[in-house]
């Protein structure tokens, strides 16, 4: 079902492929919507897409990943496809994310910060149950090496964005020529 949702939102979406660029884009997205940068610790990401019109985001990784958030004592499982509708301080209708609560894997459907001043982030299930934790527990400090690498990745992203713009302009010009 998530693959179908991705295909439904692919048109007019920004898409990126390759682990390095996708990790940078996922961090950029979390920063843009003001959520902690350690919230999506995915590995071997093959694709990231963001349809700004609908707010739909998807991340694909080669295999599912389990991550243990030490500061809150919770393991979280990330499927091969993680999707959500995003807005400032919020990820809604999340798919592909589960956490253990009372010895059962529970689907996470919403992740949000209601009051940024509270320093709390809330995870909600489809059943309406929720748990709040310090948002700082999901923040990852960057090392100097990561900061250097990030700058190089940003340059690659900018070059790719420019290339996409040029392709879109060429398509538009070709369409106008065909009409004439």
N, C-alpha and C. Protein backbone atom coordinates (compact mmCIF):
# COMPACT_ATOMS: atom_id res chain seq x y z
N UNK A 1 0.82 -1.20 0.00
CA UNK A 1 0.00 0.00 0.00
C UNK A 1 0.86 1.26 0.00
N UNK A 2 1.97 1.24 0.77
CA UNK A 2 2.81 2.44 0.79
C UNK A 2 3.43 2.71 -0.57
N UNK A 3 3.79 1.64 -1.31
CA UNK A 3 4.36 1.83 -2.65
C UNK A 3 3.36 2.54 -3.55
N UNK A 4 2.09 2.19 -3.42
CA UNK A 4 1.05 2.84 -4.23
C UNK A 4 0.92 4.32 -3.83
N UNK A 5 0.98 4.60 -2.53
CA UNK A 5 0.92 6.00 -2.08
C UNK A 5 2.09 6.79 -2.64
N UNK A 6 3.26 6.18 -2.64
CA UNK A 6 4.45 6.85 -3.17
C UNK A 6 4.22 7.19 -4.64
N UNK A 7 3.75 6.23 -5.40
CA UNK A 7 3.53 6.46 -6.83
C UNK A 7 2.46 7.54 -7.05
N UNK A 8 1.45 7.59 -6.20
CA UNK A 8 0.40 8.61 -6.31
C UNK A 8 0.93 10.02 -6.06
N UNK A 9 1.99 10.15 -5.27
CA UNK A 9 2.53 11.46 -4.92
C UNK A 9 3.84 11.77 -5.63
N UNK A 10 4.30 10.87 -6.48
CA UNK A 10 5.60 11.04 -7.14
C UNK A 10 5.60 12.24 -8.11
N UNK A 11 4.49 12.44 -8.83
CA UNK A 11 4.45 13.55 -9.79
C UNK A 11 4.63 14.87 -9.05
N UNK A 12 5.48 15.71 -9.55
CA UNK A 12 5.81 17.02 -8.98
C UNK A 12 6.58 16.94 -7.66
N UNK A 13 7.07 15.77 -7.32
CA UNK A 13 7.84 15.62 -6.08
C UNK A 13 9.33 15.80 -6.35
N UNK A 14 10.04 16.27 -5.35
CA UNK A 14 11.49 16.31 -5.39
C UNK A 14 11.94 14.91 -5.02
N UNK A 15 12.75 14.28 -5.85
CA UNK A 15 13.23 12.93 -5.53
C UNK A 15 14.75 12.89 -5.61
N UNK A 16 15.32 12.11 -4.73
CA UNK A 16 16.76 11.97 -4.66
C UNK A 16 17.09 10.49 -4.47
N UNK A 17 18.22 10.07 -5.02
CA UNK A 17 18.63 8.69 -4.83
C UNK A 17 20.11 8.65 -4.47
N UNK A 18 20.48 7.60 -3.76
CA UNK A 18 21.85 7.46 -3.28
C UNK A 18 21.92 7.78 -1.80
N UNK A 19 22.54 6.91 -1.05
CA UNK A 19 22.54 7.00 0.41
C UNK A 19 23.02 8.34 0.94
N UNK A 20 24.13 8.83 0.43
CA UNK A 20 24.72 10.06 0.96
C UNK A 20 23.79 11.26 0.79
N UNK A 21 23.28 11.44 -0.42
CA UNK A 21 22.38 12.56 -0.70
C UNK A 21 21.06 12.38 0.05
N UNK A 22 20.55 11.15 0.11
CA UNK A 22 19.28 10.90 0.80
C UNK A 22 19.38 11.18 2.29
N UNK A 23 20.49 10.80 2.91
CA UNK A 23 20.67 11.11 4.34
C UNK A 23 20.67 12.61 4.56
N UNK A 24 21.38 13.33 3.70
CA UNK A 24 21.44 14.79 3.82
C UNK A 24 20.05 15.40 3.63
N UNK A 25 19.30 14.89 2.66
CA UNK A 25 17.95 15.41 2.41
C UNK A 25 17.00 15.09 3.56
N UNK A 26 17.14 13.91 4.17
CA UNK A 26 16.26 13.58 5.30
C UNK A 26 16.57 14.49 6.49
N UNK A 27 17.86 14.80 6.70
CA UNK A 27 18.22 15.74 7.77
C UNK A 27 17.70 17.14 7.47
N UNK A 28 17.80 17.54 6.21
CA UNK A 28 17.31 18.85 5.80
C UNK A 28 15.80 18.94 6.02
N UNK A 29 15.08 17.87 5.69
CA UNK A 29 13.63 17.85 5.89
C UNK A 29 13.29 17.98 7.38
N UNK A 30 13.96 17.19 8.23
CA UNK A 30 13.68 17.27 9.66
C UNK A 30 13.94 18.68 10.18
N UNK A 31 15.00 19.31 9.71
CA UNK A 31 15.31 20.68 10.11
C UNK A 31 14.21 21.63 9.63
N UNK A 32 13.77 21.44 8.41
CA UNK A 32 12.73 22.29 7.82
C UNK A 32 11.41 22.23 8.59
N UNK A 33 11.07 21.05 9.09
CA UNK A 33 9.80 20.91 9.82
C UNK A 33 10.01 20.98 11.34
N UNK A 34 11.22 21.36 11.75
CA UNK A 34 11.57 21.58 13.16
C UNK A 34 11.34 20.36 14.05
N UNK A 35 11.82 19.21 13.57
CA UNK A 35 11.82 17.99 14.37
C UNK A 35 13.27 17.58 14.58
N UNK A 36 13.57 16.83 15.64
CA UNK A 36 14.96 16.46 15.94
C UNK A 36 15.65 15.69 14.81
N UNK A 37 16.93 15.97 14.61
CA UNK A 37 17.67 15.39 13.49
C UNK A 37 17.96 13.90 13.62
N UNK A 38 17.79 13.32 14.79
CA UNK A 38 18.05 11.89 14.98
C UNK A 38 16.82 11.02 14.88
N UNK A 39 15.72 11.60 14.45
CA UNK A 39 14.43 10.89 14.42
C UNK A 39 14.38 9.79 13.36
N UNK A 40 15.14 9.93 12.29
CA UNK A 40 15.12 8.96 11.19
C UNK A 40 16.52 8.41 10.95
N UNK A 41 17.02 7.54 11.84
CA UNK A 41 18.38 7.03 11.68
C UNK A 41 18.46 5.87 10.69
N UNK A 42 18.08 6.14 9.45
CA UNK A 42 18.01 5.09 8.44
C UNK A 42 19.40 4.83 7.84
N UNK A 43 19.56 3.64 7.25
CA UNK A 43 20.83 3.26 6.61
C UNK A 43 20.56 2.74 5.21
N UNK A 44 21.55 2.90 4.35
CA UNK A 44 21.44 2.43 2.96
C UNK A 44 20.15 2.93 2.32
N UNK A 45 19.94 4.25 2.41
CA UNK A 45 18.73 4.85 1.85
C UNK A 45 18.87 4.88 0.34
N UNK A 46 17.87 4.37 -0.36
CA UNK A 46 17.93 4.32 -1.82
C UNK A 46 17.17 5.48 -2.47
N UNK A 47 16.16 6.01 -1.75
CA UNK A 47 15.38 7.10 -2.34
C UNK A 47 14.69 7.92 -1.26
N UNK A 48 14.67 9.24 -1.48
CA UNK A 48 13.90 10.16 -0.65
C UNK A 48 13.06 10.98 -1.61
N UNK A 49 11.79 11.16 -1.28
CA UNK A 49 10.91 11.98 -2.10
C UNK A 49 10.10 12.91 -1.22
N UNK A 50 9.82 14.10 -1.74
CA UNK A 50 9.03 15.09 -1.00
C UNK A 50 8.15 15.85 -1.98
N UNK A 51 6.85 15.65 -1.86
CA UNK A 51 5.89 16.39 -2.65
C UNK A 51 5.42 17.55 -1.78
N UNK A 52 5.96 18.72 -2.03
CA UNK A 52 5.65 19.89 -1.19
C UNK A 52 4.18 20.30 -1.29
N UNK A 53 3.55 20.03 -2.42
CA UNK A 53 2.14 20.41 -2.59
C UNK A 53 1.25 19.63 -1.63
N UNK A 54 1.46 18.31 -1.55
CA UNK A 54 0.62 17.47 -0.68
C UNK A 54 1.24 17.30 0.71
N UNK A 55 2.53 17.61 0.85
CA UNK A 55 3.22 17.41 2.12
C UNK A 55 3.66 15.97 2.33
N UNK A 56 3.56 15.15 1.29
CA UNK A 56 3.88 13.73 1.41
C UNK A 56 5.38 13.51 1.25
N UNK A 57 5.95 12.71 2.15
CA UNK A 57 7.37 12.39 2.14
C UNK A 57 7.53 10.88 2.18
N UNK A 58 8.53 10.37 1.45
CA UNK A 58 8.86 8.94 1.57
C UNK A 58 10.36 8.76 1.60
N UNK A 59 10.75 7.72 2.31
CA UNK A 59 12.15 7.30 2.38
C UNK A 59 12.17 5.81 2.16
N UNK A 60 13.03 5.36 1.27
CA UNK A 60 13.19 3.93 1.02
C UNK A 60 14.61 3.54 1.41
N UNK A 61 14.72 2.41 2.09
CA UNK A 61 16.04 1.88 2.45
C UNK A 61 16.10 0.42 2.03
N UNK A 62 17.33 -0.08 1.85
CA UNK A 62 17.51 -1.44 1.32
C UNK A 62 16.89 -2.50 2.21
N UNK A 63 17.03 -2.34 3.52
CA UNK A 63 16.43 -3.33 4.42
C UNK A 63 15.95 -2.62 5.69
N UNK A 64 15.04 -3.28 6.39
CA UNK A 64 14.50 -2.67 7.60
C UNK A 64 15.60 -2.50 8.63
N UNK A 65 15.45 -1.49 9.48
CA UNK A 65 16.48 -1.18 10.47
C UNK A 65 15.84 -1.02 11.83
N UNK A 66 16.49 -1.60 12.83
CA UNK A 66 16.08 -1.38 14.21
C UNK A 66 17.13 -0.49 14.87
N UNK A 67 16.65 0.49 15.61
CA UNK A 67 17.53 1.44 16.29
C UNK A 67 17.09 1.54 17.74
N UNK A 68 18.05 1.56 18.65
CA UNK A 68 17.73 1.68 20.07
C UNK A 68 18.07 3.10 20.53
N UNK A 69 17.04 3.83 20.97
CA UNK A 69 17.25 5.17 21.50
C UNK A 69 17.57 5.03 22.99
N UNK A 70 18.85 5.07 23.31
CA UNK A 70 19.32 4.82 24.68
C UNK A 70 18.69 5.76 25.70
N UNK A 71 18.62 7.05 25.35
CA UNK A 71 18.16 8.01 26.35
C UNK A 71 16.70 7.84 26.76
N UNK A 72 15.91 7.14 25.94
CA UNK A 72 14.51 6.89 26.34
C UNK A 72 14.24 5.40 26.54
N UNK A 73 15.26 4.58 26.28
CA UNK A 73 15.13 3.14 26.50
C UNK A 73 14.13 2.47 25.59
N UNK A 74 14.05 2.93 24.33
CA UNK A 74 13.06 2.37 23.39
C UNK A 74 13.71 1.92 22.10
N UNK A 75 13.44 0.67 21.69
CA UNK A 75 13.84 0.25 20.35
C UNK A 75 12.77 0.69 19.35
N UNK A 76 13.22 1.08 18.17
CA UNK A 76 12.30 1.49 17.10
C UNK A 76 12.68 0.74 15.84
N UNK A 77 11.68 0.27 15.12
CA UNK A 77 11.89 -0.45 13.87
C UNK A 77 11.43 0.43 12.71
N UNK A 78 12.30 0.56 11.71
CA UNK A 78 11.99 1.33 10.51
C UNK A 78 11.92 0.37 9.34
N UNK A 79 10.77 0.29 8.67
CA UNK A 79 10.60 -0.61 7.53
C UNK A 79 11.40 -0.14 6.32
N UNK A 80 11.30 -0.91 5.24
CA UNK A 80 12.03 -0.54 4.03
C UNK A 80 11.43 0.72 3.38
N UNK A 81 10.17 1.00 3.68
CA UNK A 81 9.54 2.24 3.22
C UNK A 81 8.93 2.95 4.42
N UNK A 82 9.33 4.20 4.61
CA UNK A 82 8.78 5.05 5.66
C UNK A 82 8.11 6.22 4.95
N UNK A 83 6.84 6.47 5.27
CA UNK A 83 6.12 7.57 4.64
C UNK A 83 5.42 8.41 5.70
N UNK A 84 5.09 9.64 5.33
CA UNK A 84 4.35 10.53 6.23
C UNK A 84 3.89 11.76 5.46
N UNK A 85 2.91 12.41 6.02
CA UNK A 85 2.53 13.75 5.58
C UNK A 85 3.13 14.69 6.61
N UNK A 86 3.89 15.68 6.14
CA UNK A 86 4.62 16.54 7.07
C UNK A 86 4.14 17.98 7.03
N UNK A 87 4.32 18.62 8.17
CA UNK A 87 4.10 20.05 8.31
C UNK A 87 4.97 20.49 9.49
N UNK A 88 5.01 21.76 9.79
CA UNK A 88 5.86 22.27 10.87
C UNK A 88 5.58 21.52 12.17
N UNK A 89 6.61 20.98 12.79
CA UNK A 89 6.56 20.27 14.07
C UNK A 89 5.75 18.97 14.04
N UNK A 90 5.48 18.41 12.84
CA UNK A 90 4.55 17.27 12.81
C UNK A 90 4.77 16.36 11.61
N UNK A 91 4.68 15.05 11.90
CA UNK A 91 4.62 14.02 10.85
C UNK A 91 3.32 13.25 11.12
N UNK A 92 2.40 13.25 10.15
CA UNK A 92 1.10 12.60 10.32
C UNK A 92 0.98 11.40 9.39
N UNK A 93 0.10 10.50 9.74
CA UNK A 93 -0.17 9.30 8.94
C UNK A 93 1.13 8.58 8.58
N UNK A 94 1.99 8.44 9.58
CA UNK A 94 3.29 7.79 9.41
C UNK A 94 3.07 6.31 9.12
N UNK A 95 3.84 5.76 8.18
CA UNK A 95 3.85 4.32 7.95
C UNK A 95 5.29 3.84 8.01
N UNK A 96 5.47 2.58 8.38
CA UNK A 96 6.80 1.99 8.37
C UNK A 96 7.60 2.18 9.64
N UNK A 97 6.98 2.72 10.71
CA UNK A 97 7.70 2.95 11.96
C UNK A 97 6.94 2.27 13.10
N UNK A 98 7.67 1.46 13.89
CA UNK A 98 7.08 0.76 15.04
C UNK A 98 8.02 0.88 16.22
N UNK A 99 7.43 0.81 17.41
CA UNK A 99 8.22 0.84 18.63
C UNK A 99 7.66 -0.19 19.61
N UNK A 100 8.51 -0.65 20.51
CA UNK A 100 8.03 -1.60 21.52
C UNK A 100 7.47 -0.83 22.70
N UNK A 101 6.26 -1.22 23.08
CA UNK A 101 5.64 -0.65 24.26
C UNK A 101 4.96 -1.80 25.00
N UNK A 102 5.30 -2.01 26.22
CA UNK A 102 4.78 -3.11 27.02
C UNK A 102 4.95 -4.45 26.29
N UNK A 103 6.14 -4.67 25.78
CA UNK A 103 6.56 -5.92 25.14
C UNK A 103 5.87 -6.23 23.81
N UNK A 104 5.16 -5.28 23.22
CA UNK A 104 4.52 -5.47 21.92
C UNK A 104 5.02 -4.40 20.95
N UNK A 105 5.20 -4.81 19.68
CA UNK A 105 5.52 -3.82 18.65
C UNK A 105 4.25 -3.05 18.33
N UNK A 106 4.32 -1.73 18.41
CA UNK A 106 3.17 -0.86 18.19
C UNK A 106 3.50 0.09 17.05
N UNK A 107 2.57 0.23 16.12
CA UNK A 107 2.74 1.16 15.01
C UNK A 107 2.69 2.60 15.51
N UNK A 108 3.60 3.41 15.00
CA UNK A 108 3.60 4.85 15.29
C UNK A 108 2.91 5.53 14.12
N UNK A 109 1.86 6.32 14.40
CA UNK A 109 1.12 6.97 13.32
C UNK A 109 1.34 8.48 13.25
N UNK A 110 1.71 9.08 14.35
CA UNK A 110 1.95 10.52 14.38
C UNK A 110 3.14 10.83 15.28
N UNK A 111 3.93 11.80 14.86
CA UNK A 111 5.06 12.28 15.66
C UNK A 111 4.96 13.80 15.63
N UNK A 112 4.91 14.41 16.82
CA UNK A 112 4.71 15.86 16.81
C UNK A 112 5.25 16.53 18.07
N UNK A 113 5.47 17.82 17.92
CA UNK A 113 5.83 18.69 19.04
C UNK A 113 4.72 19.73 19.12
N UNK A 114 3.85 19.59 20.12
CA UNK A 114 2.74 20.54 20.27
C UNK A 114 3.22 21.92 20.69
N UNK A 115 4.09 21.95 21.68
CA UNK A 115 4.60 23.21 22.20
C UNK A 115 6.12 23.16 22.18
N UNK A 116 6.76 23.83 21.22
CA UNK A 116 8.22 23.79 21.13
C UNK A 116 8.92 24.21 22.43
N UNK A 117 8.30 25.06 23.21
CA UNK A 117 8.90 25.51 24.47
C UNK A 117 8.91 24.42 25.53
N UNK A 118 8.07 23.40 25.37
CA UNK A 118 8.00 22.32 26.36
C UNK A 118 9.20 21.39 26.27
N UNK A 119 9.85 21.35 25.10
CA UNK A 119 10.97 20.44 24.92
C UNK A 119 10.54 18.99 24.80
N UNK A 120 9.26 18.73 24.56
CA UNK A 120 8.73 17.37 24.48
C UNK A 120 8.29 17.03 23.06
N UNK A 121 8.53 15.78 22.68
CA UNK A 121 8.05 15.25 21.40
C UNK A 121 7.13 14.09 21.73
N UNK A 122 6.03 13.99 20.98
CA UNK A 122 5.01 12.97 21.26
C UNK A 122 4.90 12.00 20.10
N UNK A 123 4.77 10.72 20.45
CA UNK A 123 4.58 9.64 19.48
C UNK A 123 3.20 9.05 19.75
N UNK A 124 2.37 8.98 18.72
CA UNK A 124 0.99 8.54 18.87
C UNK A 124 0.75 7.30 18.03
N UNK A 125 -0.09 6.39 18.54
CA UNK A 125 -0.46 5.18 17.80
C UNK A 125 -1.79 5.41 17.09
N UNK A 126 -2.14 4.53 16.14
CA UNK A 126 -3.44 4.67 15.48
C UNK A 126 -4.62 4.50 16.45
N UNK A 127 -4.35 3.92 17.63
CA UNK A 127 -5.41 3.69 18.61
C UNK A 127 -5.61 4.89 19.52
N UNK A 128 -4.82 5.94 19.33
CA UNK A 128 -4.96 7.15 20.14
C UNK A 128 -4.06 7.19 21.37
N UNK A 129 -3.34 6.11 21.64
CA UNK A 129 -2.40 6.11 22.77
C UNK A 129 -1.17 6.91 22.38
N UNK A 130 -0.59 7.61 23.34
CA UNK A 130 0.60 8.39 23.01
C UNK A 130 1.57 8.41 24.19
N UNK A 131 2.83 8.66 23.86
CA UNK A 131 3.90 8.81 24.85
C UNK A 131 4.73 10.02 24.45
N UNK A 132 5.12 10.79 25.45
CA UNK A 132 5.97 11.95 25.20
C UNK A 132 7.33 11.74 25.84
N UNK A 133 8.35 12.26 25.17
CA UNK A 133 9.73 12.15 25.63
C UNK A 133 10.42 13.49 25.42
N UNK A 134 11.57 13.70 26.05
CA UNK A 134 12.34 14.92 25.76
C UNK A 134 12.79 14.89 24.29
N UNK A 135 12.52 15.95 23.58
CA UNK A 135 12.93 16.02 22.17
C UNK A 135 14.44 15.88 22.04
N UNK A 136 15.16 16.33 23.06
CA UNK A 136 16.63 16.26 23.03
C UNK A 136 17.14 14.82 22.95
N UNK A 137 16.31 13.85 23.34
CA UNK A 137 16.72 12.44 23.26
C UNK A 137 16.85 11.97 21.81
N UNK A 138 16.32 12.74 20.88
CA UNK A 138 16.34 12.36 19.46
C UNK A 138 17.22 13.30 18.63
N UNK A 139 18.07 14.04 19.31
CA UNK A 139 19.01 14.94 18.64
C UNK A 139 20.38 14.28 18.61
N UNK A 140 21.01 14.30 17.44
CA UNK A 140 22.35 13.73 17.27
C UNK A 140 23.30 14.89 17.00
N UNK A 141 24.35 14.96 17.81
CA UNK A 141 25.38 15.99 17.61
C UNK A 141 26.28 15.57 16.47
N UNK A 142 26.58 16.50 15.56
CA UNK A 142 27.46 16.21 14.43
C UNK A 142 28.92 16.32 14.83
N UNK A 143 29.73 15.42 14.29
CA UNK A 143 31.17 15.52 14.49
C UNK A 143 31.73 16.49 13.46
N UNK A 144 32.97 16.91 13.64
CA UNK A 144 33.62 17.82 12.68
C UNK A 144 33.70 17.17 11.30
N UNK A 145 33.99 15.87 11.26
CA UNK A 145 34.09 15.15 9.98
C UNK A 145 32.74 15.15 9.27
N UNK A 146 31.66 14.94 10.04
CA UNK A 146 30.32 14.95 9.44
C UNK A 146 29.97 16.32 8.89
N UNK A 147 30.38 17.38 9.58
CA UNK A 147 30.12 18.73 9.10
C UNK A 147 30.82 18.98 7.77
N UNK A 148 32.08 18.49 7.64
CA UNK A 148 32.82 18.64 6.39
C UNK A 148 32.13 17.86 5.27
N UNK A 149 31.75 16.63 5.57
CA UNK A 149 31.08 15.78 4.59
C UNK A 149 29.75 16.41 4.17
N UNK A 150 29.03 16.98 5.15
CA UNK A 150 27.74 17.59 4.86
C UNK A 150 27.88 18.72 3.83
N UNK A 151 28.96 19.51 3.97
CA UNK A 151 29.20 20.60 3.02
C UNK A 151 29.38 20.07 1.60
N UNK A 152 30.12 18.98 1.47
CA UNK A 152 30.33 18.37 0.15
C UNK A 152 29.02 17.82 -0.41
N UNK A 153 28.22 17.20 0.46
CA UNK A 153 26.94 16.66 0.02
C UNK A 153 26.01 17.77 -0.41
N UNK A 154 26.01 18.87 0.33
CA UNK A 154 25.18 20.02 -0.04
C UNK A 154 25.55 20.53 -1.44
N UNK A 155 26.84 20.55 -1.75
CA UNK A 155 27.28 20.96 -3.08
C UNK A 155 26.72 20.01 -4.14
N UNK A 156 26.75 18.70 -3.86
CA UNK A 156 26.20 17.71 -4.79
C UNK A 156 24.70 17.92 -4.98
N UNK A 157 24.00 18.18 -3.88
CA UNK A 157 22.56 18.39 -3.94
C UNK A 157 22.24 19.62 -4.78
N UNK A 158 22.98 20.71 -4.54
CA UNK A 158 22.76 21.92 -5.31
C UNK A 158 22.99 21.68 -6.79
N UNK A 159 24.04 20.94 -7.13
CA UNK A 159 24.32 20.63 -8.53
C UNK A 159 23.21 19.79 -9.13
N UNK A 160 22.71 18.82 -8.36
CA UNK A 160 21.62 17.97 -8.85
C UNK A 160 20.34 18.79 -9.03
N UNK A 161 20.06 19.70 -8.09
CA UNK A 161 18.88 20.56 -8.20
C UNK A 161 18.97 21.45 -9.44
N UNK A 162 20.16 21.98 -9.71
CA UNK A 162 20.36 22.81 -10.90
C UNK A 162 20.15 21.98 -12.17
N UNK A 163 20.65 20.75 -12.15
CA UNK A 163 20.48 19.85 -13.29
C UNK A 163 18.99 19.56 -13.52
N UNK A 164 18.24 19.34 -12.44
CA UNK A 164 16.80 19.09 -12.56
C UNK A 164 16.08 20.30 -13.14
N UNK A 165 16.45 21.50 -12.66
CA UNK A 165 15.84 22.73 -13.17
C UNK A 165 16.09 22.87 -14.67
N UNK A 166 17.33 22.59 -15.08
CA UNK A 166 17.68 22.69 -16.50
C UNK A 166 16.86 21.70 -17.33
N UNK A 167 16.72 20.48 -16.84
CA UNK A 167 15.91 19.47 -17.55
C UNK A 167 14.48 19.93 -17.67
N UNK A 168 13.91 20.47 -16.59
CA UNK A 168 12.52 20.96 -16.61
C UNK A 168 12.38 22.13 -17.61
N UNK A 169 13.36 23.04 -17.62
CA UNK A 169 13.32 24.15 -18.56
C UNK A 169 13.39 23.64 -19.99
N UNK A 170 14.27 22.67 -20.25
CA UNK A 170 14.40 22.09 -21.58
C UNK A 170 13.09 21.42 -22.01
N UNK A 171 12.46 20.70 -21.10
CA UNK A 171 11.17 20.06 -21.40
C UNK A 171 10.13 21.10 -21.77
N UNK A 172 10.09 22.18 -20.97
CA UNK A 172 9.13 23.25 -21.20
C UNK A 172 9.37 23.90 -22.56
N UNK A 173 10.63 24.18 -22.87
CA UNK A 173 10.98 24.79 -24.16
C UNK A 173 10.62 23.87 -25.31
N UNK A 174 10.88 22.57 -25.16
CA UNK A 174 10.54 21.59 -26.20
C UNK A 174 9.04 21.51 -26.41
N UNK A 175 8.27 21.59 -25.30
CA UNK A 175 6.80 21.55 -25.41
C UNK A 175 6.30 22.79 -26.16
N UNK A 176 6.91 23.96 -25.87
CA UNK A 176 6.50 25.18 -26.54
C UNK A 176 6.83 25.11 -28.02
N UNK A 177 7.97 24.52 -28.36
CA UNK A 177 8.37 24.37 -29.76
C UNK A 177 7.41 23.45 -30.49
N UNK A 178 6.99 22.38 -29.83
CA UNK A 178 6.06 21.42 -30.43
C UNK A 178 4.72 22.09 -30.68
N UNK A 179 4.26 22.93 -29.75
CA UNK A 179 2.98 23.63 -29.89
C UNK A 179 3.02 24.62 -31.05
N UNK A 180 4.19 25.25 -31.26
CA UNK A 180 4.31 26.28 -32.30
C UNK A 180 4.36 25.68 -33.66
